[in-house]
Amino acid sequence: IPIPEDPTVSPWPDVQIIAEGKSEPNPYSPAGFQPEEGLAIGDVDG
């Protein structure tokens, strides 16, 4: 979500989805998968 010029507006507009349904297999979980977590930002392709 881009930060709006007026951040007091609610809800914030222009909501976008980068990805969905992201998980790793987890044989220890009843669901069989683990939702992904953890975020970082950086230039990884130079």
ModelCIF file with pLDDT and N, C-alpha, C, O atoms, coordinates in Angstrom:
data_MODEL
#
_entry.id   MODEL 
#
_entity.id                         1 
_entity.type                       polymer 
_entity.pdbx_number_of_molecules   1 
#
_entity_poly.entity_id                      1 
_entity_poly.type                           'polypeptide(L)' 
_entity_poly.nstd_linkage                   no 
_entity_poly.nstd_monomer                   no 
_entity_poly.pdbx_seq_one_letter_code       IPIPEDPTVSPWPDVQIIAEGKSEPNPYSPAGFQPEEGLAIGDVDG 
_entity_poly.pdbx_seq_one_letter_code_can   IPIPEDPTVSPWPDVQIIAEGKSEPNPYSPAGFQPEEGLAIGDVDG 
_entity_poly.pdbx_strand_id                 A 
#
loop_
_entity_poly_seq.entity_id 
_entity_poly_seq.num 
_entity_poly_seq.mon_id 
_entity_poly_seq.hetero 
1 1  ILE n 
1 2  PRO n 
1 3  ILE n 
1 4  PRO n 
1 5  GLU n 
1 6  ASP n 
1 7  PRO n 
1 8  THR n 
1 9  VAL n 
1 10 SER n 
1 11 PRO n 
1 12 TRP n 
1 13 PRO n 
1 14 ASP n 
1 15 VAL n 
1 16 GLN n 
1 17 ILE n 
1 18 ILE n 
1 19 ALA n 
1 20 GLU n 
1 21 GLY n 
1 22 LYS n 
1 23 SER n 
1 24 GLU n 
1 25 PRO n 
1 26 ASN n 
1 27 PRO n 
1 28 TYR n 
1 29 SER n 
1 30 PRO n 
1 31 ALA n 
1 32 GLY n 
1 33 PHE n 
1 34 GLN n 
1 35 PRO n 
1 36 GLU n 
1 37 GLU n 
1 38 GLY n 
1 39 LEU n 
1 40 ALA n 
1 41 ILE n 
1 42 GLY n 
1 43 ASP n 
1 44 VAL n 
1 45 ASP n 
1 46 GLY n 
#
_struct_asym.id          A 
_struct_asym.entity_id   1 
#
loop_
_ma_qa_metric.id 
_ma_qa_metric.mode 
_ma_qa_metric.name 
_ma_qa_metric.software_group_id 
_ma_qa_metric.type 
1 global pLDDT . pLDDT 
2 local  pLDDT . pLDDT 
#
_ma_qa_metric_global.metric_id      1 
_ma_qa_metric_global.metric_value   96.13 
_ma_qa_metric_global.model_id       1 
_ma_qa_metric_global.ordinal_id     1 
#
loop_
_ma_qa_metric_local.label_asym_id 
_ma_qa_metric_local.label_comp_id 
_ma_qa_metric_local.label_seq_id 
_ma_qa_metric_local.metric_id 
_ma_qa_metric_local.metric_value 
_ma_qa_metric_local.model_id 
_ma_qa_metric_local.ordinal_id 
A ILE 1  2 98.00 1 1  
A PRO 2  2 98.00 1 2  
A ILE 3  2 98.00 1 3  
A PRO 4  2 98.00 1 4  
A GLU 5  2 97.00 1 5  
A ASP 6  2 98.00 1 6  
A PRO 7  2 98.00 1 7  
A THR 8  2 98.00 1 8  
A VAL 9  2 98.00 1 9  
A SER 10 2 97.00 1 10 
A PRO 11 2 98.00 1 11 
A TRP 12 2 98.00 1 12 
A PRO 13 2 98.00 1 13 
A ASP 14 2 97.00 1 14 
A VAL 15 2 98.00 1 15 
A GLN 16 2 98.00 1 16 
A ILE 17 2 98.00 1 17 
A ILE 18 2 98.00 1 18 
A ALA 19 2 98.00 1 19 
A GLU 20 2 97.00 1 20 
A GLY 21 2 97.00 1 21 
A LYS 22 2 97.00 1 22 
A SER 23 2 96.00 1 23 
A GLU 24 2 96.00 1 24 
A PRO 25 2 95.00 1 25 
A ASN 26 2 93.00 1 26 
A PRO 27 2 90.00 1 27 
A TYR 28 2 87.00 1 28 
A SER 29 2 87.00 1 29 
A PRO 30 2 88.00 1 30 
A ALA 31 2 88.00 1 31 
A GLY 32 2 92.00 1 32 
A PHE 33 2 95.00 1 33 
A GLN 34 2 95.00 1 34 
A PRO 35 2 96.00 1 35 
A GLU 36 2 97.00 1 36 
A GLU 37 2 97.00 1 37 
A GLY 38 2 98.00 1 38 
A LEU 39 2 98.00 1 39 
A ALA 40 2 98.00 1 40 
A ILE 41 2 98.00 1 41 
A GLY 42 2 98.00 1 42 
A ASP 43 2 98.00 1 43 
A VAL 44 2 98.00 1 44 
A ASP 45 2 97.00 1 45 
A GLY 46 2 97.00 1 46 
#
loop_
_atom_site.group_PDB 
_atom_site.id 
_atom_site.type_symbol 
_atom_site.label_atom_id 
_atom_site.label_alt_id 
_atom_site.label_comp_id 
_atom_site.label_asym_id 
_atom_site.label_entity_id 
_atom_site.label_seq_id 
_atom_site.pdbx_PDB_ins_code 
_atom_site.Cartn_x 
_atom_site.Cartn_y 
_atom_site.Cartn_z 
_atom_site.occupancy 
_atom_site.B_iso_or_equiv 
_atom_site.pdbx_formal_charge 
_atom_site.auth_seq_id 
_atom_site.auth_comp_id 
_atom_site.auth_asym_id 
_atom_site.auth_atom_id 
_atom_site.pdbx_PDB_model_num 
ATOM 1   N N  . ILE A 1 1  ? 0.856   -1.192  0.000  1.00 98.00 ? 1  ILE A N  1 
ATOM 2   C CA . ILE A 1 1  ? 0.000   0.000   0.000  1.00 98.00 ? 1  ILE A CA 1 
ATOM 3   C C  . ILE A 1 1  ? 0.890   1.240   0.000  1.00 98.00 ? 1  ILE A C  1 
ATOM 4   O O  . ILE A 1 1  ? 1.590   1.484   0.983  1.00 98.00 ? 1  ILE A O  1 
ATOM 5   N N  . PRO A 1 2  ? 0.883   2.031   -1.080 1.00 98.00 ? 2  PRO A N  1 
ATOM 6   C CA . PRO A 1 2  ? 1.621   3.292   -1.057 1.00 98.00 ? 2  PRO A CA 1 
ATOM 7   C C  . PRO A 1 2  ? 1.129   4.184   0.086  1.00 98.00 ? 2  PRO A C  1 
ATOM 8   O O  . PRO A 1 2  ? -0.072  4.263   0.347  1.00 98.00 ? 2  PRO A O  1 
ATOM 9   N N  . ILE A 1 3  ? 2.052   4.844   0.756  1.00 98.00 ? 3  ILE A N  1 
ATOM 10  C CA . ILE A 1 3  ? 1.657   5.737   1.848  1.00 98.00 ? 3  ILE A CA 1 
ATOM 11  C C  . ILE A 1 3  ? 0.958   6.957   1.252  1.00 98.00 ? 3  ILE A C  1 
ATOM 12  O O  . ILE A 1 3  ? 1.559   7.671   0.449  1.00 98.00 ? 3  ILE A O  1 
ATOM 13  N N  . PRO A 1 4  ? -0.297  7.211   1.625  1.00 98.00 ? 4  PRO A N  1 
ATOM 14  C CA . PRO A 1 4  ? -1.039  8.334   1.025  1.00 98.00 ? 4  PRO A CA 1 
ATOM 15  C C  . PRO A 1 4  ? -0.513  9.684   1.505  1.00 98.00 ? 4  PRO A C  1 
ATOM 16  O O  . PRO A 1 4  ? 0.105   9.785   2.565  1.00 98.00 ? 4  PRO A O  1 
ATOM 17  N N  . GLU A 1 5  ? -0.770  10.715  0.707  1.00 97.00 ? 5  GLU A N  1 
ATOM 18  C CA . GLU A 1 5  ? -0.363  12.071  1.093  1.00 97.00 ? 5  GLU A CA 1 
ATOM 19  C C  . GLU A 1 5  ? -0.975  12.451  2.431  1.00 97.00 ? 5  GLU A C  1 
ATOM 20  O O  . GLU A 1 5  ? -0.324  13.084  3.263  1.00 97.00 ? 5  GLU A O  1 
ATOM 21  N N  . ASP A 1 6  ? -2.222  12.066  2.636  1.00 98.00 ? 6  ASP A N  1 
ATOM 22  C CA . ASP A 1 6  ? -2.885  12.281  3.920  1.00 98.00 ? 6  ASP A CA 1 
ATOM 23  C C  . ASP A 1 6  ? -3.037  10.928  4.609  1.00 98.00 ? 6  ASP A C  1 
ATOM 24  O O  . ASP A 1 6  ? -3.986  10.198  4.327  1.00 98.00 ? 6  ASP A O  1 
ATOM 25  N N  . PRO A 1 7  ? -2.114  10.583  5.510  1.00 98.00 ? 7  PRO A N  1 
ATOM 26  C CA . PRO A 1 7  ? -2.176  9.265   6.132  1.00 98.00 ? 7  PRO A CA 1 
ATOM 27  C C  . PRO A 1 7  ? -3.334  9.092   7.106  1.00 98.00 ? 7  PRO A C  1 
ATOM 28  O O  . PRO A 1 7  ? -3.591  7.982   7.573  1.00 98.00 ? 7  PRO A O  1 
ATOM 29  N N  . THR A 1 8  ? -4.040  10.188  7.420  1.00 98.00 ? 8  THR A N  1 
ATOM 30  C CA . THR A 1 8  ? -5.168  10.080  8.345  1.00 98.00 ? 8  THR A CA 1 
ATOM 31  C C  . THR A 1 8  ? -6.418  9.529   7.658  1.00 98.00 ? 8  THR A C  1 
ATOM 32  O O  . THR A 1 8  ? -7.389  9.185   8.331  1.00 98.00 ? 8  THR A O  1 
ATOM 33  N N  . VAL A 1 9  ? -6.404  9.441   6.312  1.00 98.00 ? 9  VAL A N  1 
ATOM 34  C CA . VAL A 1 9  ? -7.536  8.838   5.616  1.00 98.00 ? 9  VAL A CA 1 
ATOM 35  C C  . VAL A 1 9  ? -7.636  7.373   6.013  1.00 98.00 ? 9  VAL A C  1 
ATOM 36  O O  . VAL A 1 9  ? -6.616  6.705   6.184  1.00 98.00 ? 9  VAL A O  1 
ATOM 37  N N  . SER A 1 10 ? -8.849  6.873   6.159  1.00 97.00 ? 10 SER A N  1 
ATOM 38  C CA . SER A 1 10 ? -9.033  5.494   6.618  1.00 97.00 ? 10 SER A CA 1 
ATOM 39  C C  . SER A 1 10 ? -10.229 4.864   5.904  1.00 97.00 ? 10 SER A C  1 
ATOM 40  O O  . SER A 1 10 ? -11.325 5.424   5.920  1.00 97.00 ? 10 SER A O  1 
ATOM 41  N N  . PRO A 1 11 ? -10.024 3.701   5.280  1.00 98.00 ? 11 PRO A N  1 
ATOM 42  C CA . PRO A 1 11 ? -8.760  2.976   5.138  1.00 98.00 ? 11 PRO A CA 1 
ATOM 43  C C  . PRO A 1 11 ? -7.870  3.608   4.074  1.00 98.00 ? 11 PRO A C  1 
ATOM 44  O O  . PRO A 1 11 ? -8.324  4.455   3.304  1.00 98.00 ? 11 PRO A O  1 
ATOM 45  N N  . TRP A 1 12 ? -6.593  3.195   4.031  1.00 98.00 ? 12 TRP A N  1 
ATOM 46  C CA . TRP A 1 12 ? -5.699  3.695   3.004  1.00 98.00 ? 12 TRP A CA 1 
ATOM 47  C C  . TRP A 1 12 ? -6.119  3.144   1.643  1.00 98.00 ? 12 TRP A C  1 
ATOM 48  O O  . TRP A 1 12 ? -6.498  1.977   1.538  1.00 98.00 ? 12 TRP A O  1 
ATOM 49  N N  . PRO A 1 13 ? -6.052  3.985   0.584  1.00 98.00 ? 13 PRO A N  1 
ATOM 50  C CA . PRO A 1 13 ? -6.441  3.530   -0.758 1.00 98.00 ? 13 PRO A CA 1 
ATOM 51  C C  . PRO A 1 13 ? -5.293  2.818   -1.482 1.00 98.00 ? 13 PRO A C  1 
ATOM 52  O O  . PRO A 1 13 ? -4.189  2.684   -0.953 1.00 98.00 ? 13 PRO A O  1 
ATOM 53  N N  . ASP A 1 14 ? -5.582  2.372   -2.697 1.00 97.00 ? 14 ASP A N  1 
ATOM 54  C CA . ASP A 1 14 ? -4.606  1.795   -3.628 1.00 97.00 ? 14 ASP A CA 1 
ATOM 55  C C  . ASP A 1 14 ? -3.930  0.543   -3.065 1.00 97.00 ? 14 ASP A C  1 
ATOM 56  O O  . ASP A 1 14 ? -2.708  0.405   -3.109 1.00 97.00 ? 14 ASP A O  1 
ATOM 57  N N  . VAL A 1 15 ? -4.748  -0.359  -2.538 1.00 98.00 ? 15 VAL A N  1 
ATOM 58  C CA . VAL A 1 15 ? -4.225  -1.610  -1.980 1.00 98.00 ? 15 VAL A CA 1 
ATOM 59  C C  . VAL A 1 15 ? -3.874  -2.566  -3.113 1.00 98.00 ? 15 VAL A C  1 
ATOM 60  O O  . VAL A 1 15 ? -4.680  -2.796  -4.014 1.00 98.00 ? 15 VAL A O  1 
ATOM 61  N N  . GLN A 1 16 ? -2.664  -3.123  -3.061 1.00 98.00 ? 16 GLN A N  1 
ATOM 62  C CA . GLN A 1 16 ? -2.199  -4.067  -4.084 1.00 98.00 ? 16 GLN A CA 1 
ATOM 63  C C  . GLN A 1 16 ? -1.709  -5.344  -3.407 1.00 98.00 ? 16 GLN A C  1 
ATOM 64  O O  . GLN A 1 16 ? -1.333  -5.339  -2.235 1.00 98.00 ? 16 GLN A O  1 
ATOM 65  N N  . ILE A 1 17 ? -1.722  -6.425  -4.160 1.00 98.00 ? 17 ILE A N  1 
ATOM 66  C CA . ILE A 1 17 ? -1.247  -7.712  -3.662 1.00 98.00 ? 17 ILE A CA 1 
ATOM 67  C C  . ILE A 1 17 ? 0.027   -8.087  -4.412 1.00 98.00 ? 17 ILE A C  1 
ATOM 68  O O  . ILE A 1 17 ? 0.029   -8.168  -5.640 1.00 98.00 ? 17 ILE A O  1 
ATOM 69  N N  . ILE A 1 18 ? 1.108   -8.316  -3.671 1.00 98.00 ? 18 ILE A N  1 
ATOM 70  C CA . ILE A 1 18 ? 2.370   -8.751  -4.276 1.00 98.00 ? 18 ILE A CA 1 
ATOM 71  C C  . ILE A 1 18 ? 2.323   -10.239 -4.587 1.00 98.00 ? 18 ILE A C  1 
ATOM 72  O O  . ILE A 1 18 ? 2.720   -10.662 -5.673 1.00 98.00 ? 18 ILE A O  1 
ATOM 73  N N  . ALA A 1 19 ? 1.843   -11.027 -3.647 1.00 98.00 ? 19 ALA A N  1 
ATOM 74  C CA . ALA A 1 19 ? 1.772   -12.479 -3.822 1.00 98.00 ? 19 ALA A CA 1 
ATOM 75  C C  . ALA A 1 19 ? 0.779   -13.033 -2.820 1.00 98.00 ? 19 ALA A C  1 
ATOM 76  O O  . ALA A 1 19 ? 0.466   -12.380 -1.824 1.00 98.00 ? 19 ALA A O  1 
ATOM 77  N N  . GLU A 1 20 ? 0.284   -14.228 -3.075 1.00 97.00 ? 20 GLU A N  1 
ATOM 78  C CA . GLU A 1 20 ? -0.596  -14.887 -2.111 1.00 97.00 ? 20 GLU A CA 1 
ATOM 79  C C  . GLU A 1 20 ? -0.420  -16.395 -2.171 1.00 97.00 ? 20 GLU A C  1 
ATOM 80  O O  . GLU A 1 20 ? 0.105   -16.949 -3.137 1.00 97.00 ? 20 GLU A O  1 
ATOM 81  N N  . GLY A 1 21 ? -0.877  -17.040 -1.102 1.00 97.00 ? 21 GLY A N  1 
ATOM 82  C CA . GLY A 1 21 ? -0.744  -18.485 -1.008 1.00 97.00 ? 21 GLY A CA 1 
ATOM 83  C C  . GLY A 1 21 ? 0.683   -18.955 -0.810 1.00 97.00 ? 21 GLY A C  1 
ATOM 84  O O  . GLY A 1 21 ? 1.030   -20.065 -1.211 1.00 97.00 ? 21 GLY A O  1 
ATOM 85  N N  . LYS A 1 22 ? 1.530   -18.111 -0.186 1.00 97.00 ? 22 LYS A N  1 
ATOM 86  C CA . LYS A 1 22 ? 2.946   -18.451 -0.034 1.00 97.00 ? 22 LYS A CA 1 
ATOM 87  C C  . LYS A 1 22 ? 3.154   -19.235 1.264  1.00 97.00 ? 22 LYS A C  1 
ATOM 88  O O  . LYS A 1 22 ? 2.749   -18.801 2.342  1.00 97.00 ? 22 LYS A O  1 
ATOM 89  N N  . SER A 1 23 ? 3.793   -20.396 1.132  1.00 96.00 ? 23 SER A N  1 
ATOM 90  C CA . SER A 1 23 ? 4.007   -21.250 2.291  1.00 96.00 ? 23 SER A CA 1 
ATOM 91  C C  . SER A 1 23 ? 5.174   -22.185 2.026  1.00 96.00 ? 23 SER A C  1 
ATOM 92  O O  . SER A 1 23 ? 5.667   -22.291 0.903  1.00 96.00 ? 23 SER A O  1 
ATOM 93  N N  . GLU A 1 24 ? 5.603   -22.859 3.081  1.00 96.00 ? 24 GLU A N  1 
ATOM 94  C CA . GLU A 1 24 ? 6.601   -23.920 2.998  1.00 96.00 ? 24 GLU A CA 1 
ATOM 95  C C  . GLU A 1 24 ? 5.964   -25.205 3.524  1.00 96.00 ? 24 GLU A C  1 
ATOM 96  O O  . GLU A 1 24 ? 5.176   -25.145 4.467  1.00 96.00 ? 24 GLU A O  1 
ATOM 97  N N  . PRO A 1 25 ? 6.279   -26.362 2.947  1.00 95.00 ? 25 PRO A N  1 
ATOM 98  C CA . PRO A 1 25 ? 5.774   -27.612 3.511  1.00 95.00 ? 25 PRO A CA 1 
ATOM 99  C C  . PRO A 1 25 ? 6.201   -27.781 4.967  1.00 95.00 ? 25 PRO A C  1 
ATOM 100 O O  . PRO A 1 25 ? 7.364   -27.566 5.309  1.00 95.00 ? 25 PRO A O  1 
ATOM 101 N N  . ASN A 1 26 ? 5.260   -28.163 5.814  1.00 93.00 ? 26 ASN A N  1 
ATOM 102 C CA . ASN A 1 26 ? 5.556   -28.413 7.219  1.00 93.00 ? 26 ASN A CA 1 
ATOM 103 C C  . ASN A 1 26 ? 4.905   -29.729 7.625  1.00 93.00 ? 26 ASN A C  1 
ATOM 104 O O  . ASN A 1 26 ? 3.719   -29.757 7.956  1.00 93.00 ? 26 ASN A O  1 
ATOM 105 N N  . PRO A 1 27 ? 5.671   -30.821 7.604  1.00 90.00 ? 27 PRO A N  1 
ATOM 106 C CA . PRO A 1 27 ? 5.093   -32.125 7.942  1.00 90.00 ? 27 PRO A CA 1 
ATOM 107 C C  . PRO A 1 27 ? 4.677   -32.250 9.394  1.00 90.00 ? 27 PRO A C  1 
ATOM 108 O O  . PRO A 1 27 ? 3.982   -33.195 9.767  1.00 90.00 ? 27 PRO A O  1 
ATOM 109 N N  . TYR A 1 28 ? 5.104   -31.285 10.225 1.00 87.00 ? 28 TYR A N  1 
ATOM 110 C CA . TYR A 1 28 ? 4.781   -31.321 11.649 1.00 87.00 ? 28 TYR A CA 1 
ATOM 111 C C  . TYR A 1 28 ? 3.456   -30.630 11.943 1.00 87.00 ? 28 TYR A C  1 
ATOM 112 O O  . TYR A 1 28 ? 2.954   -30.712 13.064 1.00 87.00 ? 28 TYR A O  1 
ATOM 113 N N  . SER A 1 29 ? 2.881   -29.949 10.951 1.00 87.00 ? 29 SER A N  1 
ATOM 114 C CA . SER A 1 29 ? 1.645   -29.195 11.134 1.00 87.00 ? 29 SER A CA 1 
ATOM 115 C C  . SER A 1 29 ? 0.459   -29.995 10.608 1.00 87.00 ? 29 SER A C  1 
ATOM 116 O O  . SER A 1 29 ? 0.579   -30.666 9.584  1.00 87.00 ? 29 SER A O  1 
ATOM 117 N N  . PRO A 1 30 ? -0.698  -29.936 11.297 1.00 88.00 ? 30 PRO A N  1 
ATOM 118 C CA . PRO A 1 30 ? -1.896  -30.620 10.790 1.00 88.00 ? 30 PRO A CA 1 
ATOM 119 C C  . PRO A 1 30 ? -2.295  -30.159 9.390  1.00 88.00 ? 30 PRO A C  1 
ATOM 120 O O  . PRO A 1 30 ? -2.847  -30.931 8.606  1.00 88.00 ? 30 PRO A O  1 
ATOM 121 N N  . ALA A 1 31 ? -2.010  -28.887 9.085  1.00 88.00 ? 31 ALA A N  1 
ATOM 122 C CA . ALA A 1 31 ? -2.352  -28.366 7.755  1.00 88.00 ? 31 ALA A CA 1 
ATOM 123 C C  . ALA A 1 31 ? -1.389  -28.847 6.681  1.00 88.00 ? 31 ALA A C  1 
ATOM 124 O O  . ALA A 1 31 ? -1.708  -28.809 5.493  1.00 88.00 ? 31 ALA A O  1 
ATOM 125 N N  . GLY A 1 32 ? -0.208  -29.300 7.098  1.00 92.00 ? 32 GLY A N  1 
ATOM 126 C CA . GLY A 1 32 ? 0.782   -29.761 6.144  1.00 92.00 ? 32 GLY A CA 1 
ATOM 127 C C  . GLY A 1 32 ? 1.636   -28.668 5.535  1.00 92.00 ? 32 GLY A C  1 
ATOM 128 O O  . GLY A 1 32 ? 2.533   -28.949 4.740  1.00 92.00 ? 32 GLY A O  1 
ATOM 129 N N  . PHE A 1 33 ? 1.365   -27.425 5.900  1.00 95.00 ? 33 PHE A N  1 
ATOM 130 C CA . PHE A 1 33 ? 2.164   -26.320 5.375  1.00 95.00 ? 33 PHE A CA 1 
ATOM 131 C C  . PHE A 1 33 ? 2.303   -25.242 6.440  1.00 95.00 ? 33 PHE A C  1 
ATOM 132 O O  . PHE A 1 33 ? 1.545   -25.210 7.410  1.00 95.00 ? 33 PHE A O  1 
ATOM 133 N N  . GLN A 1 34 ? 3.285   -24.354 6.248  1.00 95.00 ? 34 GLN A N  1 
ATOM 134 C CA . GLN A 1 34 ? 3.541   -23.254 7.163  1.00 95.00 ? 34 GLN A CA 1 
ATOM 135 C C  . GLN A 1 34 ? 3.502   -21.951 6.382  1.00 95.00 ? 34 GLN A C  1 
ATOM 136 O O  . GLN A 1 34 ? 4.307   -21.771 5.469  1.00 95.00 ? 34 GLN A O  1 
ATOM 137 N N  . PRO A 1 35 ? 2.589   -21.029 6.709  1.00 96.00 ? 35 PRO A N  1 
ATOM 138 C CA . PRO A 1 35 ? 2.585   -19.738 6.019  1.00 96.00 ? 35 PRO A CA 1 
ATOM 139 C C  . PRO A 1 35 ? 3.926   -19.030 6.171  1.00 96.00 ? 35 PRO A C  1 
ATOM 140 O O  . PRO A 1 35 ? 4.530   -19.045 7.243  1.00 96.00 ? 35 PRO A O  1 
ATOM 141 N N  . GLU A 1 36 ? 4.386   -18.409 5.084  1.00 97.00 ? 36 GLU A N  1 
ATOM 142 C CA . GLU A 1 36 ? 5.689   -17.741 5.137  1.00 97.00 ? 36 GLU A CA 1 
ATOM 143 C C  . GLU A 1 36 ? 5.598   -16.460 5.960  1.00 97.00 ? 36 GLU A C  1 
ATOM 144 O O  . GLU A 1 36 ? 4.542   -15.837 6.071  1.00 97.00 ? 36 GLU A O  1 
ATOM 145 N N  . GLU A 1 37 ? 6.732   -16.094 6.527  1.00 97.00 ? 37 GLU A N  1 
ATOM 146 C CA . GLU A 1 37 ? 6.831   -14.842 7.262  1.00 97.00 ? 37 GLU A CA 1 
ATOM 147 C C  . GLU A 1 37 ? 8.252   -14.315 7.163  1.00 97.00 ? 37 GLU A C  1 
ATOM 148 O O  . GLU A 1 37 ? 9.149   -14.976 6.641  1.00 97.00 ? 37 GLU A O  1 
ATOM 149 N N  . GLY A 1 38 ? 8.431   -13.104 7.680  1.00 98.00 ? 38 GLY A N  1 
ATOM 150 C CA . GLY A 1 38 ? 9.723   -12.438 7.623  1.00 98.00 ? 38 GLY A CA 1 
ATOM 151 C C  . GLY A 1 38 ? 9.820   -11.547 6.403  1.00 98.00 ? 38 GLY A C  1 
ATOM 152 O O  . GLY A 1 38 ? 9.570   -11.998 5.285  1.00 98.00 ? 38 GLY A O  1 
ATOM 153 N N  . LEU A 1 39 ? 10.184  -10.274 6.603  1.00 98.00 ? 39 LEU A N  1 
ATOM 154 C CA . LEU A 1 39 ? 10.323  -9.323  5.505  1.00 98.00 ? 39 LEU A CA 1 
ATOM 155 C C  . LEU A 1 39 ? 11.661  -8.596  5.593  1.00 98.00 ? 39 LEU A C  1 
ATOM 156 O O  . LEU A 1 39 ? 12.150  -8.293  6.681  1.00 98.00 ? 39 LEU A O  1 
ATOM 157 N N  . ALA A 1 40 ? 12.238  -8.325  4.432  1.00 98.00 ? 40 ALA A N  1 
ATOM 158 C CA . ALA A 1 40 ? 13.433  -7.490  4.337  1.00 98.00 ? 40 ALA A CA 1 
ATOM 159 C C  . ALA A 1 40 ? 13.420  -6.809  2.980  1.00 98.00 ? 40 ALA A C  1 
ATOM 160 O O  . ALA A 1 40 ? 12.796  -7.303  2.041  1.00 98.00 ? 40 ALA A O  1 
ATOM 161 N N  . ILE A 1 41 ? 14.098  -5.689  2.873  1.00 98.00 ? 41 ILE A N  1 
ATOM 162 C CA . ILE A 1 41 ? 14.202  -4.935  1.629  1.00 98.00 ? 41 ILE A CA 1 
ATOM 163 C C  . ILE A 1 41 ? 15.671  -4.721  1.309  1.00 98.00 ? 41 ILE A C  1 
ATOM 164 O O  . ILE A 1 41 ? 16.447  -4.350  2.189  1.00 98.00 ? 41 ILE A O  1 
ATOM 165 N N  . GLY A 1 42 ? 16.062  -4.950  0.065  1.00 98.00 ? 42 GLY A N  1 
ATOM 166 C CA . GLY A 1 42 ? 17.430  -4.711  -0.358 1.00 98.00 ? 42 GLY A CA 1 
ATOM 167 C C  . GLY A 1 42 ? 17.589  -5.011  -1.838 1.00 98.00 ? 42 GLY A C  1 
ATOM 168 O O  . GLY A 1 42 ? 16.756  -5.698  -2.428 1.00 98.00 ? 42 GLY A O  1 
ATOM 169 N N  . ASP A 1 43 ? 18.636  -4.506  -2.431 1.00 98.00 ? 43 ASP A N  1 
ATOM 170 C CA . ASP A 1 43 ? 18.918  -4.726  -3.844 1.00 98.00 ? 43 ASP A CA 1 
ATOM 171 C C  . ASP A 1 43 ? 19.687  -6.035  -3.989 1.00 98.00 ? 43 ASP A C  1 
ATOM 172 O O  . ASP A 1 43 ? 20.893  -6.074  -3.746 1.00 98.00 ? 43 ASP A O  1 
ATOM 173 N N  . VAL A 1 44 ? 19.007  -7.097  -4.380 1.00 98.00 ? 44 VAL A N  1 
ATOM 174 C CA . VAL A 1 44 ? 19.660  -8.407  -4.470 1.00 98.00 ? 44 VAL A CA 1 
ATOM 175 C C  . VAL A 1 44 ? 20.114  -8.760  -5.883 1.00 98.00 ? 44 VAL A C  1 
ATOM 176 O O  . VAL A 1 44 ? 20.880  -9.707  -6.060 1.00 98.00 ? 44 VAL A O  1 
ATOM 177 N N  . ASP A 1 45 ? 19.657  -8.016  -6.895 1.00 97.00 ? 45 ASP A N  1 
ATOM 178 C CA . ASP A 1 45 ? 20.091  -8.327  -8.257 1.00 97.00 ? 45 ASP A CA 1 
ATOM 179 C C  . ASP A 1 45 ? 21.054  -7.296  -8.831 1.00 97.00 ? 45 ASP A C  1 
ATOM 180 O O  . ASP A 1 45 ? 21.460  -7.407  -9.987 1.00 97.00 ? 45 ASP A O  1 
ATOM 181 N N  . GLY A 1 46 ? 21.425  -6.287  -8.028 1.00 97.00 ? 46 GLY A N  1 
ATOM 182 C CA . GLY A 1 46 ? 22.462  -5.344  -8.420 1.00 97.00 ? 46 GLY A CA 1 
ATOM 183 C C  . GLY A 1 46 ? 22.058  -4.309  -9.442 1.00 97.00 ? 46 GLY A C  1 
ATOM 184 O O  . GLY A 1 46 ? 22.874  -3.473  -9.830 1.00 97.00 ? 46 GLY A O  1 
#
